Structure formats: C-alpha cells, structure tokens
N, C-alpha and C. Protein backbone atom coordinates (compact mmCIF):
# COMPACT_ATOMS: atom_id res chain seq x y z
N MET A 1 44.24 88.97 76.45
CA MET A 1 42.94 89.19 76.05
C MET A 1 42.36 90.68 76.32
N LYS A 2 41.87 91.09 75.38
CA LYS A 2 41.07 92.46 75.21
C LYS A 2 39.72 92.36 76.31
N ASN A 3 39.84 93.69 77.03
CA ASN A 3 38.70 93.90 77.74
C ASN A 3 37.38 93.88 77.10
N ASN A 4 36.22 93.38 77.33
CA ASN A 4 35.24 93.60 76.44
C ASN A 4 34.54 94.63 77.12
N ILE A 5 34.67 96.11 76.28
CA ILE A 5 34.27 97.36 76.72
C ILE A 5 32.82 97.47 75.84
N PRO A 6 31.80 98.10 76.51
CA PRO A 6 30.80 98.82 75.84
C PRO A 6 31.08 99.38 74.35
N PRO A 7 30.32 99.22 73.51
CA PRO A 7 30.84 99.89 72.25
C PRO A 7 30.66 101.26 72.13
N TYR A 8 29.65 102.22 73.07
CA TYR A 8 29.83 103.32 73.27
C TYR A 8 30.98 104.07 73.88
N GLN A 9 31.73 103.25 74.43
CA GLN A 9 33.06 103.33 75.28
C GLN A 9 34.35 103.31 73.98
N ASN A 10 33.72 103.18 72.81
CA ASN A 10 34.95 103.23 71.65
C ASN A 10 34.79 104.29 70.94
N LYS A 11 35.64 105.12 70.85
CA LYS A 11 35.84 106.48 70.26
C LYS A 11 35.20 106.06 68.90
N LYS A 12 35.71 105.27 67.90
CA LYS A 12 35.54 105.24 66.66
C LYS A 12 33.79 104.64 66.52
N GLN A 13 33.31 103.54 67.36
CA GLN A 13 32.19 103.12 67.13
C GLN A 13 31.10 104.34 67.70
N LEU A 14 31.47 105.11 68.54
CA LEU A 14 30.43 106.11 69.07
C LEU A 14 30.36 107.24 68.13
N ARG A 15 31.44 107.62 67.49
CA ARG A 15 31.33 108.48 66.31
C ARG A 15 30.49 107.84 65.17
N GLN A 16 30.70 106.80 64.76
CA GLN A 16 30.08 105.99 63.94
C GLN A 16 28.57 106.31 63.69
N ALA A 17 28.31 105.74 65.15
CA ALA A 17 26.78 105.67 65.64
C ALA A 17 26.34 107.28 65.70
N TYR A 18 27.02 108.13 66.07
CA TYR A 18 26.28 109.53 65.88
C TYR A 18 26.30 109.95 64.38
N GLN A 19 27.06 109.70 63.79
CA GLN A 19 27.09 110.25 62.43
C GLN A 19 26.05 109.55 61.59
N ARG A 20 25.97 108.32 61.86
CA ARG A 20 24.76 107.68 61.38
C ARG A 20 23.60 108.00 61.71
N LEU A 21 23.12 108.28 62.87
CA LEU A 21 21.83 108.46 63.53
C LEU A 21 21.79 110.01 63.70
N GLY A 22 22.66 110.76 64.09
CA GLY A 22 22.29 112.09 63.90
C GLY A 22 21.99 113.08 65.41
N SER A 23 21.64 112.14 66.45
CA SER A 23 21.14 112.63 67.50
C SER A 23 21.80 111.81 68.94
N THR A 24 22.04 112.57 70.00
CA THR A 24 22.54 111.66 70.88
C THR A 24 21.59 110.78 71.58
N ARG A 25 20.26 111.30 71.69
CA ARG A 25 19.10 110.30 71.99
C ARG A 25 19.02 109.19 71.26
N LYS A 26 19.34 108.86 69.78
CA LYS A 26 18.91 107.98 69.12
C LYS A 26 20.29 106.98 69.49
N VAL A 27 21.31 107.42 69.50
CA VAL A 27 22.43 106.77 69.83
C VAL A 27 22.39 106.28 71.22
N ALA A 28 21.73 106.89 72.17
CA ALA A 28 21.39 106.38 73.59
C ALA A 28 20.44 104.86 73.45
N ARG A 29 19.55 105.21 72.63
CA ARG A 29 18.60 104.14 72.43
C ARG A 29 19.14 102.58 71.96
N LEU A 30 20.16 103.06 70.71
CA LEU A 30 20.95 102.28 70.05
C LEU A 30 21.42 101.22 71.14
N PHE A 31 22.37 101.97 72.04
CA PHE A 31 23.30 101.22 73.08
C PHE A 31 22.29 100.83 74.24
N ASN A 32 21.02 101.26 74.50
CA ASN A 32 20.21 101.14 75.91
C ASN A 32 21.13 101.88 76.82
N VAL A 33 21.43 102.87 76.80
CA VAL A 33 21.94 103.73 77.86
C VAL A 33 21.37 105.02 77.92
N SER A 34 21.51 105.63 78.99
CA SER A 34 21.09 107.42 79.09
C SER A 34 21.73 108.08 78.12
N ASN A 35 20.80 109.10 77.68
CA ASN A 35 21.18 110.26 76.95
C ASN A 35 22.47 110.75 77.52
N GLY A 36 22.38 110.97 79.01
CA GLY A 36 23.49 111.64 79.57
C GLY A 36 24.97 110.98 79.45
N THR A 37 24.76 109.47 79.46
CA THR A 37 26.17 108.54 79.29
C THR A 37 26.77 108.98 78.02
N ILE A 38 25.66 109.02 76.94
CA ILE A 38 26.30 109.32 75.58
C ILE A 38 26.97 110.59 75.54
N ILE A 39 26.26 111.54 75.88
CA ILE A 39 27.13 112.90 75.87
C ILE A 39 28.33 112.88 76.96
N CYS A 40 28.20 112.35 77.86
CA CYS A 40 29.70 112.01 78.69
C CYS A 40 30.59 111.69 77.67
N TRP A 41 30.45 110.48 77.27
CA TRP A 41 31.40 109.80 76.65
C TRP A 41 32.08 110.77 75.06
N MET A 42 30.76 111.03 74.48
CA MET A 42 31.11 112.07 73.29
C MET A 42 31.92 113.35 73.79
N ARG A 43 31.74 113.95 75.02
CA ARG A 43 32.37 114.75 75.65
C ARG A 43 33.97 114.53 75.67
N LYS A 44 33.96 113.40 76.42
CA LYS A 44 35.40 112.45 76.81
C LYS A 44 36.25 112.42 75.55
N PHE A 45 35.53 112.27 74.54
CA PHE A 45 36.29 111.60 73.22
C PHE A 45 36.50 113.13 72.34
N HIS A 46 35.83 114.26 72.68
CA HIS A 46 35.83 115.36 71.84
C HIS A 46 35.23 115.18 70.37
N ILE A 47 34.13 114.49 70.57
CA ILE A 47 33.38 114.36 69.45
C ILE A 47 32.22 115.29 69.36
N SER A 48 32.19 116.30 68.50
CA SER A 48 31.54 117.64 68.49
C SER A 48 29.84 117.11 67.67
N ARG A 49 29.29 117.99 68.32
CA ARG A 49 27.84 117.77 68.04
C ARG A 49 27.48 118.57 66.59
N GLU A 50 27.83 117.88 65.41
CA GLU A 50 27.37 118.61 64.14
C GLU A 50 26.31 117.38 63.59
N PRO A 51 25.31 117.75 63.67
CA PRO A 51 24.27 116.74 63.21
C PRO A 51 24.23 116.54 61.50
N LYS A 52 24.59 115.23 61.16
CA LYS A 52 24.51 115.14 59.73
C LYS A 52 23.05 114.81 59.04
N LEU A 53 22.30 113.95 59.94
CA LEU A 53 21.14 113.62 59.61
C LEU A 53 19.94 114.64 60.33
N TYR A 54 19.24 115.18 59.30
CA TYR A 54 18.19 115.99 59.60
C TYR A 54 16.84 115.43 59.44
N LEU A 55 16.06 114.78 60.42
CA LEU A 55 14.66 114.53 59.98
C LEU A 55 13.52 115.45 60.15
N SER A 56 12.81 115.77 58.95
CA SER A 56 11.76 116.57 58.76
C SER A 56 10.60 116.00 59.69
N ASN A 57 10.50 114.85 60.04
CA ASN A 57 9.19 114.32 60.75
C ASN A 57 9.92 114.21 62.26
N SER A 58 10.80 114.97 62.88
CA SER A 58 11.17 114.88 63.90
C SER A 58 11.78 116.15 64.46
N ASN A 59 12.30 116.24 65.63
CA ASN A 59 13.02 117.44 65.94
C ASN A 59 14.25 116.77 66.14
N SER A 60 14.74 116.01 65.40
CA SER A 60 16.23 115.42 65.50
C SER A 60 17.23 116.56 64.74
N GLY A 61 18.06 116.99 65.45
CA GLY A 61 18.97 117.81 64.82
C GLY A 61 18.76 119.29 64.55
N ARG A 62 17.56 119.61 64.87
CA ARG A 62 17.00 121.07 64.38
C ARG A 62 17.26 122.14 65.24
N GLY A 63 17.57 121.78 66.64
CA GLY A 63 17.95 122.59 67.63
C GLY A 63 19.25 122.97 67.34
N ARG A 64 19.98 122.07 67.41
CA ARG A 64 21.54 122.02 67.11
C ARG A 64 21.87 122.61 65.63
N LEU A 65 21.10 122.57 64.71
CA LEU A 65 21.58 123.10 63.31
C LEU A 65 21.33 124.45 63.39
N CYS A 66 20.31 125.26 64.31
CA CYS A 66 20.05 126.46 64.81
C CYS A 66 21.05 127.13 65.45
N GLU A 67 21.50 126.45 66.56
CA GLU A 67 22.87 126.96 67.16
C GLU A 67 23.84 126.92 66.26
N LEU A 68 24.17 126.25 65.54
CA LEU A 68 25.26 126.11 64.50
C LEU A 68 25.24 127.14 63.71
N TYR A 69 24.17 127.61 63.14
CA TYR A 69 24.02 128.63 62.28
C TYR A 69 24.41 129.94 62.99
N ILE A 70 23.94 130.23 64.12
CA ILE A 70 24.18 131.44 64.78
C ILE A 70 25.61 131.64 65.27
N VAL A 71 26.24 130.47 65.64
CA VAL A 71 27.94 130.42 66.11
C VAL A 71 28.49 131.14 65.12
N GLU A 72 28.55 130.82 63.65
CA GLU A 72 29.12 131.37 62.79
C GLU A 72 28.63 132.31 61.96
N HIS A 73 27.65 132.76 62.13
CA HIS A 73 26.99 133.83 61.32
C HIS A 73 27.70 135.12 61.36
N PRO A 74 28.05 135.90 60.33
CA PRO A 74 28.85 137.14 60.40
C PRO A 74 28.62 138.00 61.45
N TYR A 75 27.53 138.22 62.08
CA TYR A 75 27.06 139.12 62.92
C TYR A 75 27.65 138.61 64.37
N PHE A 76 27.79 137.17 64.74
CA PHE A 76 28.10 136.63 65.80
C PHE A 76 29.25 136.06 66.15
N THR A 77 29.97 135.80 65.00
CA THR A 77 31.00 134.94 65.16
C THR A 77 32.39 135.32 65.76
N MET A 78 32.74 136.48 65.69
CA MET A 78 34.06 136.96 66.31
C MET A 78 33.71 137.05 67.95
N HIS A 79 32.70 136.91 68.44
CA HIS A 79 32.28 137.24 69.86
C HIS A 79 31.39 136.11 70.30
N PHE A 80 31.62 135.27 69.83
CA PHE A 80 30.44 134.16 70.28
C PHE A 80 31.30 132.75 70.49
N LYS A 81 30.57 132.30 71.87
CA LYS A 81 31.57 131.15 72.31
C LYS A 81 30.51 129.97 72.14
N ASP A 82 30.69 128.78 71.82
CA ASP A 82 29.69 127.80 71.54
C ASP A 82 29.86 126.77 72.75
N LEU A 83 28.65 126.75 73.75
CA LEU A 83 29.06 125.78 74.53
C LEU A 83 28.14 124.62 74.65
N GLY A 84 27.37 124.19 73.26
CA GLY A 84 26.98 123.23 72.88
C GLY A 84 27.56 122.34 71.92
N GLU A 85 29.03 122.52 71.93
CA GLU A 85 29.93 121.81 70.84
C GLU A 85 29.79 120.42 71.43
N PHE A 86 30.19 120.00 72.66
CA PHE A 86 30.36 118.66 72.85
C PHE A 86 29.21 118.35 74.15
N ASP A 87 28.45 119.46 74.43
CA ASP A 87 27.47 118.99 75.51
C ASP A 87 26.20 119.69 75.39
N ASP A 88 24.87 119.08 74.96
CA ASP A 88 23.57 119.66 74.94
C ASP A 88 22.89 119.62 76.15
N LYS A 89 23.63 119.08 77.32
CA LYS A 89 23.10 119.45 78.48
C LYS A 89 23.36 120.85 79.31
N SER A 90 24.16 121.52 78.71
CA SER A 90 24.69 122.85 79.21
C SER A 90 23.72 123.67 79.65
N ARG A 91 23.69 124.53 80.76
CA ARG A 91 22.51 125.38 81.05
C ARG A 91 22.29 126.55 80.20
N TYR A 92 23.49 126.86 79.19
CA TYR A 92 23.42 127.98 78.36
C TYR A 92 24.03 127.52 77.19
N ASP A 93 23.31 127.77 75.69
CA ASP A 93 23.65 127.79 74.49
C ASP A 93 25.15 128.25 74.14
N GLY A 94 25.23 129.12 74.69
CA GLY A 94 26.74 130.31 74.47
C GLY A 94 26.82 131.21 75.26
N LEU A 95 28.24 131.98 75.30
CA LEU A 95 28.41 133.29 75.32
C LEU A 95 28.74 134.22 74.21
N TRP A 96 28.12 135.49 74.22
CA TRP A 96 28.05 136.19 73.26
C TRP A 96 28.75 137.84 74.20
N PHE A 97 29.77 138.07 73.51
CA PHE A 97 30.53 139.14 74.50
C PHE A 97 30.62 138.74 76.01
N GLY A 98 30.50 137.39 76.21
CA GLY A 98 30.46 137.15 77.54
C GLY A 98 29.30 136.99 78.68
N ASP A 99 28.24 137.38 77.89
CA ASP A 99 26.95 137.22 78.22
C ASP A 99 26.27 135.86 77.89
N ARG A 100 25.65 135.26 78.98
CA ARG A 100 24.88 134.12 78.66
C ARG A 100 23.70 134.20 77.68
N VAL A 101 23.70 133.28 76.92
CA VAL A 101 22.33 133.42 75.63
C VAL A 101 22.10 131.68 75.55
N ASN A 102 20.91 131.77 75.40
CA ASN A 102 20.03 130.69 74.75
C ASN A 102 19.74 130.78 73.42
N ILE A 103 19.55 129.61 72.52
CA ILE A 103 19.38 130.09 71.22
C ILE A 103 18.06 128.80 71.02
N LYS A 104 16.95 129.88 70.47
CA LYS A 104 15.54 128.97 70.53
C LYS A 104 15.40 128.87 68.94
N SER A 105 14.64 128.10 68.45
CA SER A 105 14.10 127.83 67.13
C SER A 105 12.44 127.43 66.83
N SER A 106 12.12 127.98 65.88
CA SER A 106 10.32 127.64 65.67
C SER A 106 10.65 127.25 64.23
N HIS A 107 9.82 125.98 64.04
CA HIS A 107 9.27 125.80 62.55
C HIS A 107 7.90 125.50 62.20
N SER A 108 7.33 126.40 63.48
CA SER A 108 5.73 126.05 63.32
C SER A 108 5.00 126.80 62.06
N LYS A 109 4.24 126.43 61.45
CA LYS A 109 3.34 126.79 60.60
C LYS A 109 2.41 128.02 60.64
N LYS A 110 1.70 128.31 62.19
CA LYS A 110 0.90 128.88 62.44
C LYS A 110 1.38 130.05 63.24
N LYS A 111 1.91 129.99 64.55
CA LYS A 111 2.66 131.12 65.08
C LYS A 111 3.94 130.79 65.51
N PHE A 112 5.06 131.87 66.02
CA PHE A 112 6.35 131.15 65.89
C PHE A 112 6.32 131.54 67.67
N THR A 113 6.28 130.43 68.59
CA THR A 113 6.52 130.35 69.77
C THR A 113 7.95 129.72 70.35
N PHE A 114 8.50 130.44 71.33
CA PHE A 114 9.76 130.05 71.93
C PHE A 114 9.49 129.63 73.39
N ARG A 115 9.67 128.65 74.01
CA ARG A 115 9.48 128.07 75.20
C ARG A 115 10.55 128.50 76.23
N ILE A 116 10.28 129.43 77.26
CA ILE A 116 11.09 129.86 78.18
C ILE A 116 10.94 129.07 79.41
N LYS A 117 9.97 129.17 80.15
CA LYS A 117 9.66 128.29 81.57
C LYS A 117 10.66 128.44 82.47
N LYS A 118 10.94 129.64 83.02
CA LYS A 118 11.90 130.19 83.82
C LYS A 118 11.12 130.90 85.15
N ILE A 119 11.57 130.64 86.43
CA ILE A 119 11.47 131.26 87.55
C ILE A 119 11.80 132.70 87.60
N LYS A 120 13.32 132.57 87.17
CA LYS A 120 13.93 133.71 86.97
C LYS A 120 14.78 133.56 85.65
N HIS A 121 14.97 134.51 84.54
CA HIS A 121 15.99 134.74 83.62
C HIS A 121 17.14 134.28 84.15
N ASP A 122 18.00 133.45 83.47
CA ASP A 122 19.46 132.98 83.82
C ASP A 122 20.48 133.40 82.44
N VAL A 123 19.86 133.91 81.60
CA VAL A 123 20.41 134.57 80.69
C VAL A 123 20.44 136.02 80.23
N VAL A 124 21.48 136.56 79.42
CA VAL A 124 21.09 137.96 79.21
C VAL A 124 19.95 138.03 77.81
N TYR A 125 20.43 137.06 77.08
CA TYR A 125 19.60 137.23 75.77
C TYR A 125 19.15 135.95 75.33
N TYR A 126 17.88 136.01 74.50
CA TYR A 126 17.25 134.90 73.83
C TYR A 126 17.62 135.12 72.54
N ILE A 127 18.20 134.29 71.57
CA ILE A 127 18.23 134.33 70.20
C ILE A 127 17.06 133.58 69.72
N CYS A 128 16.21 133.83 68.91
CA CYS A 128 15.31 133.08 68.63
C CYS A 128 14.72 133.16 67.08
N CYS A 129 15.17 132.16 66.26
CA CYS A 129 14.88 132.04 64.96
C CYS A 129 13.64 131.38 64.48
N ILE A 130 13.24 132.12 63.59
CA ILE A 130 11.96 131.69 62.91
C ILE A 130 12.51 130.92 61.50
N TYR A 131 11.90 129.79 61.58
CA TYR A 131 12.13 129.08 60.18
C TYR A 131 10.87 129.06 59.24
N ILE A 132 10.58 128.97 58.20
CA ILE A 132 9.46 128.90 57.41
C ILE A 132 10.19 127.84 56.21
N ASP A 133 9.67 126.54 56.76
CA ASP A 133 10.32 125.52 55.92
C ASP A 133 10.23 125.43 54.33
N GLU A 134 8.88 126.00 54.13
CA GLU A 134 8.64 126.12 52.67
C GLU A 134 9.51 126.83 51.86
N ILE A 135 10.04 127.93 52.57
CA ILE A 135 11.11 128.58 52.13
C ILE A 135 12.51 128.20 52.03
N ASP A 136 13.23 127.91 53.24
CA ASP A 136 14.43 127.15 53.49
C ASP A 136 14.22 126.95 55.23
N PRO A 137 14.55 125.47 55.07
CA PRO A 137 14.60 124.48 56.08
C PRO A 137 15.83 124.83 57.15
N LEU A 138 16.83 125.10 56.30
CA LEU A 138 18.42 125.32 57.22
C LEU A 138 18.44 126.84 57.51
N ILE A 139 17.97 127.96 56.88
CA ILE A 139 18.23 129.19 56.92
C ILE A 139 17.10 130.00 57.72
N PRO A 140 17.17 130.49 58.92
CA PRO A 140 16.10 131.41 59.29
C PRO A 140 15.57 132.38 58.61
N THR A 141 14.42 132.66 58.48
CA THR A 141 13.57 133.75 57.65
C THR A 141 13.91 134.98 58.49
N GLU A 142 13.98 135.06 59.91
CA GLU A 142 14.25 136.25 60.87
C GLU A 142 14.95 135.57 61.93
N VAL A 143 15.64 136.41 62.63
CA VAL A 143 16.32 136.14 63.93
C VAL A 143 16.09 137.23 64.69
N PHE A 144 15.47 136.88 66.04
CA PHE A 144 15.53 138.10 67.05
C PHE A 144 16.38 137.89 68.13
N ILE A 145 17.06 138.68 68.47
CA ILE A 145 18.13 138.93 69.50
C ILE A 145 17.19 139.63 70.85
N ILE A 146 16.50 139.08 71.52
CA ILE A 146 15.60 139.60 72.61
C ILE A 146 16.43 139.79 74.05
N PRO A 147 16.48 140.62 74.76
CA PRO A 147 17.15 141.02 75.91
C PRO A 147 16.13 140.06 76.98
N ALA A 148 16.56 139.23 77.97
CA ALA A 148 15.94 138.42 78.81
C ALA A 148 14.99 139.82 79.56
N LYS A 149 15.53 140.88 80.02
CA LYS A 149 14.71 141.91 80.87
C LYS A 149 13.60 142.24 79.69
N ASN A 150 13.41 142.20 78.62
CA ASN A 150 12.35 142.50 77.82
C ASN A 150 11.11 141.28 77.33
N SER A 151 11.64 139.77 78.05
CA SER A 151 10.95 138.85 77.70
C SER A 151 10.29 138.43 79.10
N PRO A 152 8.93 137.72 78.45
CA PRO A 152 8.31 136.58 79.49
C PRO A 152 9.03 135.61 80.06
N ARG A 153 8.73 135.04 81.31
CA ARG A 153 9.34 134.03 81.69
C ARG A 153 8.77 132.44 81.24
N THR A 154 7.45 132.68 80.47
CA THR A 154 6.77 131.77 80.05
C THR A 154 7.15 131.21 78.61
N SER A 155 6.93 132.12 77.81
CA SER A 155 7.46 131.79 76.12
C SER A 155 7.14 132.94 75.63
N ILE A 156 8.09 133.20 74.64
CA ILE A 156 8.14 134.32 73.56
C ILE A 156 7.34 133.99 72.27
N THR A 157 6.34 135.01 72.19
CA THR A 157 5.68 134.74 70.79
C THR A 157 6.09 136.01 69.62
N ALA A 158 6.65 135.45 68.66
CA ALA A 158 7.02 136.77 67.86
C ALA A 158 6.63 136.53 66.38
N THR A 159 6.44 137.59 65.69
CA THR A 159 5.79 137.64 64.43
C THR A 159 6.79 138.32 63.39
N LEU A 160 6.33 138.24 62.17
CA LEU A 160 7.44 138.66 61.38
C LEU A 160 7.20 140.05 60.77
N GLY A 161 5.85 140.59 61.17
CA GLY A 161 5.31 142.06 60.90
C GLY A 161 6.18 143.22 61.48
N SER A 162 6.28 144.23 60.99
CA SER A 162 7.08 145.40 61.34
C SER A 162 6.40 146.03 62.92
N LYS A 163 5.39 145.62 62.90
CA LYS A 163 4.40 146.01 64.54
C LYS A 163 4.79 145.15 65.40
N SER A 164 5.42 143.98 65.15
CA SER A 164 5.68 142.84 66.10
C SER A 164 6.00 143.72 67.34
N LYS A 165 5.70 142.84 68.53
CA LYS A 165 6.01 143.54 69.84
C LYS A 165 7.88 143.63 70.19
N TYR A 166 8.29 142.46 69.16
CA TYR A 166 9.94 142.44 69.27
C TYR A 166 10.37 143.08 67.95
N ALA A 167 9.88 143.58 67.36
CA ALA A 167 10.36 144.13 65.87
C ALA A 167 11.83 144.72 66.14
N GLN A 168 11.95 145.49 67.13
CA GLN A 168 12.96 146.60 67.07
C GLN A 168 14.44 145.17 67.27
N PHE A 169 14.33 143.98 67.72
CA PHE A 169 15.10 143.33 67.96
C PHE A 169 15.68 142.31 66.68
N ARG A 170 14.96 142.69 65.70
CA ARG A 170 15.43 141.99 64.41
C ARG A 170 16.80 141.94 63.95
N LEU A 171 17.39 140.74 63.74
CA LEU A 171 18.65 140.81 63.23
C LEU A 171 18.88 141.51 61.75
N SER A 172 17.73 141.33 60.91
CA SER A 172 17.63 142.18 59.60
C SER A 172 17.85 143.56 59.82
N LEU A 173 17.47 144.28 60.71
CA LEU A 173 17.74 145.66 60.97
C LEU A 173 19.26 145.77 60.87
N LYS A 174 19.96 145.08 61.27
CA LYS A 174 21.67 145.24 61.16
C LYS A 174 22.34 144.86 59.98
N ARG A 175 21.52 144.16 58.91
CA ARG A 175 22.09 143.78 57.91
C ARG A 175 22.27 145.07 56.96
N GLY A 176 23.66 145.20 56.31
CA GLY A 176 24.05 146.26 55.56
C GLY A 176 24.61 147.20 56.55
N LYS A 177 24.47 147.15 57.68
CA LYS A 177 25.00 147.93 58.92
C LYS A 177 26.28 147.63 59.68
N GLU A 178 25.97 146.37 60.28
CA GLU A 178 26.85 145.64 61.02
C GLU A 178 27.76 144.71 60.67
N PHE A 179 26.73 144.29 59.53
CA PHE A 179 27.83 143.00 58.87
C PHE A 179 27.01 143.25 57.32
N THR A 180 27.67 142.72 56.33
CA THR A 180 27.44 142.99 54.88
C THR A 180 26.52 142.04 54.52
N ILE A 181 25.53 142.32 53.44
CA ILE A 181 24.72 141.41 52.89
C ILE A 181 25.32 140.56 52.03
N LYS A 182 26.85 140.72 51.42
CA LYS A 182 27.08 139.88 50.79
C LYS A 182 27.81 138.60 51.62
N SER A 183 28.39 139.05 52.92
CA SER A 183 29.09 138.39 53.76
C SER A 183 27.87 137.22 54.15
N GLU A 184 26.60 137.50 54.71
CA GLU A 184 25.41 136.72 54.87
C GLU A 184 25.04 135.94 54.02
N ARG A 185 25.13 136.40 52.72
CA ARG A 185 24.71 135.56 51.51
C ARG A 185 25.74 134.33 51.21
N GLU A 186 27.08 134.67 51.37
CA GLU A 186 27.69 133.85 51.35
C GLU A 186 27.85 132.72 52.43
N TYR A 187 27.66 133.04 53.45
CA TYR A 187 27.52 132.41 54.77
C TYR A 187 26.66 131.51 54.45
N ASN A 188 25.51 131.70 54.18
CA ASN A 188 24.21 130.77 54.21
C ASN A 188 24.50 130.09 52.91
N GLU A 189 25.21 130.44 52.03
CA GLU A 189 25.43 128.96 50.91
C GLU A 189 26.37 127.98 51.40
N LYS A 190 27.31 128.70 52.11
CA LYS A 190 28.37 127.59 52.42
C LYS A 190 27.57 126.74 53.68
N PHE A 191 26.74 127.13 54.63
CA PHE A 191 26.17 126.28 55.54
C PHE A 191 25.18 125.58 54.79
N LYS A 192 24.44 125.90 53.90
CA LYS A 192 23.68 124.83 53.10
C LYS A 192 24.34 123.75 52.35
N LYS A 193 25.41 124.07 52.25
CA LYS A 193 26.37 123.13 51.60
C LYS A 193 27.04 121.89 52.68
N LYS A 194 27.34 122.42 53.67
CA LYS A 194 27.66 121.83 54.62
C LYS A 194 26.74 120.84 55.40
N TYR A 195 25.65 121.05 55.54
CA TYR A 195 24.69 120.46 56.29
C TYR A 195 23.15 119.94 55.05
N ARG A 196 22.77 118.67 55.44
CA ARG A 196 21.78 118.29 54.47
C ARG A 196 20.36 119.05 54.68
N TYR A 197 19.77 119.00 53.48
CA TYR A 197 18.33 119.05 53.57
C TYR A 197 17.61 117.99 54.17
N PRO A 198 16.59 118.37 54.58
CA PRO A 198 15.69 117.10 55.28
C PRO A 198 15.38 116.09 54.57
N THR A 199 15.44 115.07 55.01
CA THR A 199 14.84 113.61 54.32
C THR A 199 13.99 113.17 55.13
N LYS A 200 12.79 112.65 54.54
CA LYS A 200 11.80 112.20 55.05
C LYS A 200 11.96 110.47 55.35
N LYS A 201 11.57 110.11 56.50
CA LYS A 201 11.77 108.74 56.93
C LYS A 201 10.75 108.00 57.77
C-alpha cells in the first residue's frame, strides 16, 4: 500500500502546479502550505524557477523574469552565477565576477524607484532594470549597474535622462563597446520567444 504523501512532495505534481500557476506563492496557497515549504521542495527536486505565466495585474513572475534577463544577457552571462534558480529566498540574486549582486525591477509609469531598505549594504552592486510596459514588458528600456557605495540605504530613484544621478552607470553606455548591438538584439528576440507576454486575468 502506497504512502499517502502530500501532492507538493510529488515531483511531477509540484512541477505541473508551478508551470500552471507561475509563482511559488500561488502554489503554496494551492496546497495550503507556506511559501518556504514549496521553495524547499522545488530546490530538493531541482525544479528551476522559470515563470511561464506572467500576469500584468500583479507582480507574479516579474522579478524573476528580470533576473533571468540579466543572467544570460551578453554583457553579464560569462561571469554571472544565478543564485535564484532554485531559491527565491537567497539573500543575493547572484554573483558577478564573484561579487554579490541584487537585481531590482521597476514597471512604474511615474518614477522608477528601487527599494533597498538596508542598515548596511550586503552586496557590491545593485542591478536596476527600468521597464516601460507600453514599449516592451519583457525587455528593460534601461539597466543601471550601480555600485552599493554609490547607493542610499533606503531606495534608489533613477531617471532615463542623461543628467540622471546614475547616468554614468547605464548599461547602454557599454553597448557597441563591451558587447555588440547585434548580440543584444538577437538575445532580446530569443528571450521574448521563450517567455510569454503578459496576459490579463
């Protein structure tokens, strides 16, 4: 007689639930357990966090999609280790050249603010991605690579203008110099094919 194990402890059922719902929190609510429990079992089964469902009326999947974009971008990919592949509770999102980094995203229509809220910085860089959903909800309009030593401990507010406080840290300044325009264009197209555009529900 088979043991009556909870469905989230079954690899196939857990994978199917995550692929259908698109976020660990939604899966946790489905099985009436904590988010940490779902993350623990996903890590145990090596089920990677690649959200297939991206909801425009919530934050479901947005942060992780931003992380995934950075991880394989031509500028970062050779020296980036993704720490969020199996665990969204990791203190850091990744290691870049061995340095700890956190990846932030903003889809705001007014001002682009990235929450930090640290008594003391525990990373070397904050990689901040600005999205303008009307232009493209999957590809950042601009990415800032901001050293923690140049960041406040509360929040980072960035603008797209050349006179922005963080203008010198724009990824676009490296385009055509440290990675080719062609490689980025090809990467963006590949990324958009792999992940869905938002669906309203």
